[in-house]
């Protein structure tokens, strides 16, 4: 599968992916802490 992105689009996608990864880790940490406090 070939994708033809220009440099601006690919850079935006990488930054967006990195941001969502950080948000995902924060959400996972929050859920883990919430479950730990709940028990």
PDB file of N, CA and C in Angstrom:
ATOM      1  N   UNK A   1       0.842  -1.201   0.000  1.00  0.00           N
ATOM      2  CA  UNK A   1       0.000   0.000   0.000  1.00  0.00           C
ATOM      3  C   UNK A   1       0.875   1.248   0.000  1.00  0.00           C
ATOM      4  N   UNK A   2       0.749   2.044  -1.056  1.00  0.00           N
ATOM      5  CA  UNK A   2       1.573   3.253  -1.162  1.00  0.00           C
ATOM      6  C   UNK A   2       0.737   4.479  -0.875  1.00  0.00           C
ATOM      7  N   UNK A   3       1.271   5.336  -0.029  1.00  0.00           N
ATOM      8  CA  UNK A   3       0.601   6.602   0.260  1.00  0.00           C
ATOM      9  C   UNK A   3       1.514   7.731  -0.178  1.00  0.00           C
ATOM     10  N   UNK A   4       0.965   8.708  -0.844  1.00  0.00           N
ATOM     11  CA  UNK A   4       1.780   9.848  -1.272  1.00  0.00           C
ATOM     12  C   UNK A   4       1.361  11.074  -0.482  1.00  0.00           C
ATOM     13  N   UNK A   5       2.089  11.321   0.591  1.00  0.00           N
ATOM     14  CA  UNK A   5       1.851  12.515   1.387  1.00  0.00           C
ATOM     15  C   UNK A   5       2.927  13.529   1.056  1.00  0.00           C
ATOM     16  N   UNK A   6       2.562  14.782   1.083  1.00  0.00           N
ATOM     17  CA  UNK A   6       3.620  15.774   0.981  1.00  0.00           C
ATOM     18  C   UNK A   6       4.207  15.981   2.375  1.00  0.00           C
ATOM     19  N   UNK A   7       5.289  16.723   2.471  1.00  0.00           N
ATOM     20  CA  UNK A   7       6.020  16.814   3.736  1.00  0.00           C
ATOM     21  C   UNK A   7       5.174  17.443   4.834  1.00  0.00           C
ATOM     22  N   UNK A   8       4.374  18.445   4.485  1.00  0.00           N
ATOM     23  CA  UNK A   8       3.556  19.131   5.483  1.00  0.00           C
ATOM     24  C   UNK A   8       2.512  18.186   6.059  1.00  0.00           C
ATOM     25  N   UNK A   9       1.844  17.411   5.203  1.00  0.00           N
ATOM     26  CA  UNK A   9       0.823  16.486   5.676  1.00  0.00           C
ATOM     27  C   UNK A   9       1.431  15.406   6.555  1.00  0.00           C
ATOM     28  N   UNK A  10       2.568  14.856   6.141  1.00  0.00           N
ATOM     29  CA  UNK A  10       3.180  13.784   6.916  1.00  0.00           C
ATOM     30  C   UNK A  10       3.654  14.303   8.269  1.00  0.00           C
ATOM     31  N   UNK A  11       4.186  15.523   8.305  1.00  0.00           N
ATOM     32  CA  UNK A  11       4.640  16.096   9.570  1.00  0.00           C
ATOM     33  C   UNK A  11       3.452  16.322  10.497  1.00  0.00           C
ATOM     34  N   UNK A  12       2.342  16.825   9.949  1.00  0.00           N
ATOM     35  CA  UNK A  12       1.137  17.023  10.751  1.00  0.00           C
ATOM     36  C   UNK A  12       0.645  15.692  11.304  1.00  0.00           C
ATOM     37  N   UNK A  13       0.668  14.648  10.474  1.00  0.00           N
ATOM     38  CA  UNK A  13       0.199  13.338  10.917  1.00  0.00           C
ATOM     39  C   UNK A  13       1.082  12.804  12.038  1.00  0.00           C
ATOM     40  N   UNK A  14       2.393  12.966  11.909  1.00  0.00           N
ATOM     41  CA  UNK A  14       3.305  12.489  12.946  1.00  0.00           C
ATOM     42  C   UNK A  14       3.076  13.233  14.254  1.00  0.00           C
ATOM     43  N   UNK A  15       2.897  14.555  14.178  1.00  0.00           N
ATOM     44  CA  UNK A  15       2.648  15.330  15.398  1.00  0.00           C
ATOM     45  C   UNK A  15       1.314  14.929  16.021  1.00  0.00           C
ATOM     46  N   UNK A  16       0.294  14.723  15.191  1.00  0.00           N
ATOM     47  CA  UNK A  16      -1.027  14.333  15.694  1.00  0.00           C
ATOM     48  C   UNK A  16      -0.955  12.961  16.345  1.00  0.00           C
ATOM     49  N   UNK A  17      -0.217  12.031  15.705  1.00  0.00           N
ATOM     50  CA  UNK A  17      -0.083  10.689  16.247  1.00  0.00           C
ATOM     51  C   UNK A  17       0.653  10.726  17.582  1.00  0.00           C
ATOM     52  N   UNK A  18       1.701  11.554  17.676  1.00  0.00           N
ATOM     53  CA  UNK A  18       2.463  11.672  18.916  1.00  0.00           C
ATOM     54  C   UNK A  18       1.593  12.260  20.021  1.00  0.00           C
ATOM     55  N   UNK A  19       0.770  13.246  19.677  1.00  0.00           N
ATOM     56  CA  UNK A  19      -0.111  13.873  20.658  1.00  0.00           C
ATOM     57  C   UNK A  19      -1.147  12.873  21.158  1.00  0.00           C
ATOM     58  N   UNK A  20      -1.740  12.107  20.256  1.00  0.00           N
ATOM     59  CA  UNK A  20      -2.753  11.140  20.676  1.00  0.00           C
ATOM     60  C   UNK A  20      -2.125  10.047  21.527  1.00  0.00           C
ATOM     61  N   UNK A  21      -0.862   9.689  21.241  1.00  0.00           N
ATOM     62  CA  UNK A  21      -0.179   8.704  22.078  1.00  0.00           C
ATOM     63  C   UNK A  21      -0.007   9.234  23.491  1.00  0.00           C
ATOM     64  N   UNK A  22       0.390  10.512  23.625  1.00  0.00           N
ATOM     65  CA  UNK A  22       0.556  11.119  24.948  1.00  0.00           C
ATOM     66  C   UNK A  22      -0.771  11.162  25.677  1.00  0.00           C
ATOM     67  N   UNK A  23      -1.833  11.563  24.981  1.00  0.00           N
ATOM     68  CA  UNK A  23      -3.158  11.620  25.598  1.00  0.00           C
ATOM     69  C   UNK A  23      -3.595  10.224  26.016  1.00  0.00           C
ATOM     70  N   UNK A  24      -3.305   9.232  25.184  1.00  0.00           N
ATOM     71  CA  UNK A  24      -3.663   7.854  25.507  1.00  0.00           C
ATOM     72  C   UNK A  24      -2.950   7.378  26.759  1.00  0.00           C
ATOM     73  N   UNK A  25      -1.663   7.700  26.889  1.00  0.00           N
ATOM     74  CA  UNK A  25      -0.914   7.313  28.083  1.00  0.00           C
ATOM     75  C   UNK A  25      -1.470   8.013  29.312  1.00  0.00           C
ATOM     76  N   UNK A  26      -1.792   9.301  29.189  1.00  0.00           N
ATOM     77  CA  UNK A  26      -2.361  10.036  30.319  1.00  0.00           C
ATOM     78  C   UNK A  26      -3.698   9.438  30.723  1.00  0.00           C
ATOM     79  N   UNK A  27      -4.526   9.101  29.748  1.00  0.00           N
ATOM     80  CA  UNK A  27      -5.834   8.515  30.049  1.00  0.00           C
ATOM     81  C   UNK A  27      -5.657   7.162  30.731  1.00  0.00           C
ATOM     82  N   UNK A  28      -4.712   6.362  30.249  1.00  0.00           N
ATOM     83  CA  UNK A  28      -4.461   5.051  30.852  1.00  0.00           C
ATOM     84  C   UNK A  28      -3.971   5.209  32.280  1.00  0.00           C
ATOM     85  N   UNK A  29      -3.050   6.149  32.519  1.00  0.00           N
ATOM     86  CA  UNK A  29      -2.545   6.397  33.872  1.00  0.00           C
ATOM     87  C   UNK A  29      -3.678   6.850  34.783  1.00  0.00           C
ATOM     88  N   UNK A  30      -4.548   7.726  34.275  1.00  0.00           N
ATOM     89  CA  UNK A  30      -5.663   8.228  35.070  1.00  0.00           C
ATOM     90  C   UNK A  30      -6.591   7.086  35.456  1.00  0.00           C
ATOM     91  N   UNK A  31      -6.910   6.220  34.502  1.00  0.00           N
ATOM     92  CA  UNK A  31      -7.796   5.084  34.782  1.00  0.00           C
ATOM     93  C   UNK A  31      -7.151   4.151  35.799  1.00  0.00           C
ATOM     94  N   UNK A  32      -5.860   3.893  35.656  1.00  0.00           N
ATOM     95  CA  UNK A  32      -5.169   3.004  36.596  1.00  0.00           C
ATOM     96  C   UNK A  32      -5.186   3.596  37.997  1.00  0.00           C
ATOM     97  N   UNK A  33      -4.881   4.888  38.125  1.00  0.00           N
ATOM     98  CA  UNK A  33      -4.896   5.535  39.437  1.00  0.00           C
ATOM     99  C   UNK A  33      -6.301   5.525  40.015  1.00  0.00           C
ATOM    100  N   UNK A  34      -7.304   5.779  39.176  1.00  0.00           N
ATOM    101  CA  UNK A  34      -8.692   5.811  39.635  1.00  0.00           C
ATOM    102  C   UNK A  34      -9.103   4.435  40.154  1.00  0.00           C
ATOM    103  N   UNK A  35      -8.719   3.383  39.430  1.00  0.00           N
ATOM    104  CA  UNK A  35      -9.059   2.022  39.864  1.00  0.00           C
ATOM    105  C   UNK A  35      -8.320   1.675  41.152  1.00  0.00           C
ATOM    106  N   UNK A  36      -7.069   2.119  41.266  1.00  0.00           N
ATOM    107  CA  UNK A  36      -6.295   1.832  42.479  1.00  0.00           C
ATOM    108  C   UNK A  36      -6.909   2.522  43.690  1.00  0.00           C
ATOM    109  N   UNK A  37      -7.351   3.779  43.507  1.00  0.00           N
ATOM    110  CA  UNK A  37      -7.978   4.493  44.621  1.00  0.00           C
ATOM    111  C   UNK A  37      -9.352   3.906  44.932  1.00  0.00           C
ATOM    112  N   UNK A  38     -10.012   3.371  43.912  1.00  0.00           N
ATOM    113  CA  UNK A  38     -11.354   2.841  44.108  1.00  0.00           C
ATOM    114  C   UNK A  38     -11.366   1.549  44.913  1.00  0.00           C
ATOM    115  N   UNK A  39     -10.280   0.783  44.860  1.00  0.00           N
ATOM    116  CA  UNK A  39     -10.260  -0.506  45.552  1.00  0.00           C
ATOM    117  C   UNK A  39      -9.705  -0.358  46.950  1.00  0.00           C
TER     118      UNK A  39
END
